[in-house]
Amino acid sequence: MSTVKLSADEIRSRARVNRAMVAATTEDDIARHAAEDESRTEDVDLNAALADGRLRAADPLDVADIRARTGLSQDRFARAFHISPHTLRNWEQGRRVPEGPARALLMAIKRDPESVMRALQA
């Protein structure tokens, strides 16, 4: 298997959603795609799914507030918690949303920043 090297811009461009294409997608398009890949497209009652536990809504994180509560500047917060300053700025400005392990780290920092700092220094 060969290794492919991509620039950061190439990676970001592949991950972007073509919002114009999504907005232009019709119900007929969705039905056709579903038929092609044999998927189900029935409506999901989100309120019922939330109520019975099949779906869980994640509360948005206010990354700027989490950092502000620590009293650290962006650069010091980024260094203390091993986060790229660029990534931190993107989260704080809403250009990106922390997901997975990053979200878990931020939730832990929100609850007990001193313990997280100690754990990362060990």
C-alpha atoms as a PDB file:
ATOM      1  CA  MET A   1       0.000   0.000   0.000  1.00  0.00           C
ATOM      2  CA  SER A   2       1.450   3.359  -0.986  1.00  0.00           C
ATOM      3  CA  THR A   3       1.464   6.490   1.134  1.00  0.00           C
ATOM      4  CA  VAL A   4      -0.260   9.549  -0.264  1.00  0.00           C
ATOM      5  CA  LYS A   5       0.842  12.951   0.956  1.00  0.00           C
ATOM      6  CA  LEU A   6      -1.739  15.725   0.970  1.00  0.00           C
ATOM      7  CA  SER A   7      -1.440  19.321   2.017  1.00  0.00           C
ATOM      8  CA  ALA A   8      -3.647  20.645   4.814  1.00  0.00           C
ATOM      9  CA  ASP A   9      -5.692  22.560   2.225  1.00  0.00           C
ATOM     10  CA  GLU A  10      -6.253  19.384   0.184  1.00  0.00           C
ATOM     11  CA  ILE A  11      -7.417  17.534   3.277  1.00  0.00           C
ATOM     12  CA  ARG A  12      -9.766  20.353   4.299  1.00  0.00           C
ATOM     13  CA  SER A  13     -11.213  20.634   0.794  1.00  0.00           C
ATOM     14  CA  ARG A  14     -12.065  16.919   0.781  1.00  0.00           C
ATOM     15  CA  ALA A  15     -13.861  17.205   4.102  1.00  0.00           C
ATOM     16  CA  ARG A  16     -16.077  20.124   3.134  1.00  0.00           C
ATOM     17  CA  VAL A  17     -19.772  19.689   2.552  1.00  0.00           C
ATOM     18  CA  ASN A  18     -21.074  21.104  -0.707  1.00  0.00           C
ATOM     19  CA  ARG A  19     -23.949  22.995   0.898  1.00  0.00           C
ATOM     20  CA  ALA A  20     -25.323  24.154  -2.462  1.00  0.00           C
ATOM     21  CA  MET A  21     -25.578  20.548  -3.611  1.00  0.00           C
ATOM     22  CA  VAL A  22     -27.249  19.505  -0.357  1.00  0.00           C
ATOM     23  CA  ALA A  23     -29.736  22.385  -0.594  1.00  0.00           C
ATOM     24  CA  ALA A  24     -30.533  21.482  -4.203  1.00  0.00           C
ATOM     25  CA  THR A  25     -31.201  17.820  -3.387  1.00  0.00           C
ATOM     26  CA  THR A  26     -34.875  16.986  -3.866  1.00  0.00           C
ATOM     27  CA  GLU A  27     -37.031  14.331  -2.225  1.00  0.00           C
ATOM     28  CA  ASP A  28     -36.957  12.476  -5.556  1.00  0.00           C
ATOM     29  CA  ASP A  29     -33.129  12.520  -5.470  1.00  0.00           C
ATOM     30  CA  ILE A  30     -33.170  11.114  -1.946  1.00  0.00           C
ATOM     31  CA  ALA A  31     -35.627   8.370  -2.916  1.00  0.00           C
ATOM     32  CA  ARG A  32     -33.521   7.475  -5.971  1.00  0.00           C
ATOM     33  CA  HIS A  33     -30.317   7.312  -3.904  1.00  0.00           C
ATOM     34  CA  ALA A  34     -32.058   5.192  -1.276  1.00  0.00           C
ATOM     35  CA  ALA A  35     -33.285   2.775  -3.936  1.00  0.00           C
ATOM     36  CA  GLU A  36     -29.791   2.542  -5.426  1.00  0.00           C
ATOM     37  CA  ASP A  37     -28.140   1.645  -2.124  1.00  0.00           C
ATOM     38  CA  GLU A  38     -31.154  -0.157  -0.625  1.00  0.00           C
ATOM     39  CA  SER A  39     -31.296   2.126   2.415  1.00  0.00           C
ATOM     40  CA  ARG A  40     -34.371   3.142   4.356  1.00  0.00           C
ATOM     41  CA  THR A  41     -35.460   6.777   4.320  1.00  0.00           C
ATOM     42  CA  GLU A  42     -38.592   6.792   6.445  1.00  0.00           C
ATOM     43  CA  ASP A  43     -39.042   9.816   8.631  1.00  0.00           C
ATOM     44  CA  VAL A  44     -37.552   9.528  12.091  1.00  0.00           C
ATOM     45  CA  ASP A  45     -39.449  11.099  14.973  1.00  0.00           C
ATOM     46  CA  LEU A  46     -36.513  12.835  16.667  1.00  0.00           C
ATOM     47  CA  ASN A  47     -38.504  13.742  19.768  1.00  0.00           C
ATOM     48  CA  ALA A  48     -39.519  10.104  20.262  1.00  0.00           C
ATOM     49  CA  ALA A  49     -35.956   8.938  19.599  1.00  0.00           C
ATOM     50  CA  LEU A  50     -34.670  11.395  22.225  1.00  0.00           C
ATOM     51  CA  ALA A  51     -37.378  10.386  24.701  1.00  0.00           C
ATOM     52  CA  ASP A  52     -36.735   6.648  24.464  1.00  0.00           C
ATOM     53  CA  GLY A  53     -32.933   6.961  24.456  1.00  0.00           C
ATOM     54  CA  ARG A  54     -32.246   5.884  20.857  1.00  0.00           C
ATOM     55  CA  LEU A  55     -30.813   9.338  20.196  1.00  0.00           C
ATOM     56  CA  ARG A  56     -28.863  11.645  22.457  1.00  0.00           C
ATOM     57  CA  ALA A  57     -28.295  15.322  21.823  1.00  0.00           C
ATOM     58  CA  ALA A  58     -24.842  16.643  22.684  1.00  0.00           C
ATOM     59  CA  ASP A  59     -24.804  20.052  24.290  1.00  0.00           C
ATOM     60  CA  PRO A  60     -22.555  22.514  22.482  1.00  0.00           C
ATOM     61  CA  LEU A  61     -19.342  23.371  24.288  1.00  0.00           C
ATOM     62  CA  ASP A  62     -18.409  27.008  24.856  1.00  0.00           C
ATOM     63  CA  VAL A  63     -14.674  26.524  24.404  1.00  0.00           C
ATOM     64  CA  ALA A  64     -13.882  30.207  25.008  1.00  0.00           C
ATOM     65  CA  ASP A  65     -15.738  30.051  28.339  1.00  0.00           C
ATOM     66  CA  ILE A  66     -13.960  26.835  29.351  1.00  0.00           C
ATOM     67  CA  ARG A  67     -10.607  28.499  28.655  1.00  0.00           C
ATOM     68  CA  ALA A  68     -11.620  31.773  30.342  1.00  0.00           C
ATOM     69  CA  ARG A  69     -12.540  29.904  33.537  1.00  0.00           C
ATOM     70  CA  THR A  70      -8.966  28.618  33.738  1.00  0.00           C
ATOM     71  CA  GLY A  71      -7.616  32.172  33.576  1.00  0.00           C
ATOM     72  CA  LEU A  72      -5.175  31.168  30.838  1.00  0.00           C
ATOM     73  CA  SER A  73      -4.490  32.936  27.557  1.00  0.00           C
ATOM     74  CA  GLN A  74      -5.137  31.011  24.354  1.00  0.00           C
ATOM     75  CA  ASP A  75      -1.445  30.214  23.950  1.00  0.00           C
ATOM     76  CA  ARG A  76      -0.954  29.090  27.566  1.00  0.00           C
ATOM     77  CA  PHE A  77      -4.155  27.018  27.503  1.00  0.00           C
ATOM     78  CA  ALA A  78      -3.079  25.373  24.248  1.00  0.00           C
ATOM     79  CA  ARG A  79       0.359  24.523  25.673  1.00  0.00           C
ATOM     80  CA  ALA A  80      -1.019  23.305  29.012  1.00  0.00           C
ATOM     81  CA  PHE A  81      -3.503  20.930  27.405  1.00  0.00           C
ATOM     82  CA  HIS A  82      -1.477  19.919  24.319  1.00  0.00           C
ATOM     83  CA  ILE A  83      -3.852  21.554  21.832  1.00  0.00           C
ATOM     84  CA  SER A  84      -2.753  23.378  18.701  1.00  0.00           C
ATOM     85  CA  PRO A  85      -3.292  27.152  19.179  1.00  0.00           C
ATOM     86  CA  HIS A  86      -4.759  27.268  15.668  1.00  0.00           C
ATOM     87  CA  THR A  87      -7.257  24.525  16.531  1.00  0.00           C
ATOM     88  CA  LEU A  88      -8.181  26.257  19.783  1.00  0.00           C
ATOM     89  CA  ARG A  89      -8.875  29.532  17.944  1.00  0.00           C
ATOM     90  CA  ASN A  90     -11.029  27.706  15.395  1.00  0.00           C
ATOM     91  CA  TRP A  91     -13.065  26.111  18.191  1.00  0.00           C
ATOM     92  CA  GLU A  92     -13.486  29.383  20.054  1.00  0.00           C
ATOM     93  CA  GLN A  93     -14.535  31.238  16.913  1.00  0.00           C
ATOM     94  CA  GLY A  94     -16.985  28.521  15.882  1.00  0.00           C
ATOM     95  CA  ARG A  95     -15.206  27.607  12.653  1.00  0.00           C
ATOM     96  CA  ARG A  96     -14.711  24.056  13.895  1.00  0.00           C
ATOM     97  CA  VAL A  97     -16.425  21.903  16.526  1.00  0.00           C
ATOM     98  CA  PRO A  98     -14.421  19.658  18.859  1.00  0.00           C
ATOM     99  CA  GLU A  99     -15.440  16.021  18.452  1.00  0.00           C
ATOM    100  CA  GLY A 100     -14.519  12.679  19.952  1.00  0.00           C
ATOM    101  CA  PRO A 101     -11.434  12.709  22.198  1.00  0.00           C
ATOM    102  CA  ALA A 102     -11.050  16.499  21.879  1.00  0.00           C
ATOM    103  CA  ARG A 103     -14.600  17.004  23.140  1.00  0.00           C
ATOM    104  CA  ALA A 104     -13.958  14.568  26.007  1.00  0.00           C
ATOM    105  CA  LEU A 105     -10.760  16.437  26.939  1.00  0.00           C
ATOM    106  CA  LEU A 106     -12.598  19.778  26.973  1.00  0.00           C
ATOM    107  CA  MET A 107     -15.407  18.341  29.109  1.00  0.00           C
ATOM    108  CA  ALA A 108     -12.831  17.061  31.601  1.00  0.00           C
ATOM    109  CA  ILE A 109     -11.091  20.457  31.630  1.00  0.00           C
ATOM    110  CA  LYS A 110     -14.452  22.135  32.233  1.00  0.00           C
ATOM    111  CA  ARG A 111     -15.111  19.909  35.271  1.00  0.00           C
ATOM    112  CA  ASP A 112     -11.638  19.888  36.830  1.00  0.00           C
ATOM    113  CA  PRO A 113      -8.891  21.747  34.948  1.00  0.00           C
ATOM    114  CA  GLU A 114      -6.274  21.307  37.674  1.00  0.00           C
ATOM    115  CA  SER A 115      -6.587  17.508  37.665  1.00  0.00           C
ATOM    116  CA  VAL A 116      -6.356  17.371  33.880  1.00  0.00           C
ATOM    117  CA  MET A 117      -3.265  19.588  33.949  1.00  0.00           C
ATOM    118  CA  ARG A 118      -1.630  17.350  36.572  1.00  0.00           C
ATOM    119  CA  ALA A 119      -2.465  14.225  34.577  1.00  0.00           C
ATOM    120  CA  LEU A 120      -0.952  15.679  31.415  1.00  0.00           C
ATOM    121  CA  GLN A 121       2.233  16.721  33.234  1.00  0.00           C
ATOM    122  CA  ALA A 122       2.823  13.232  34.662  1.00  0.00           C
END
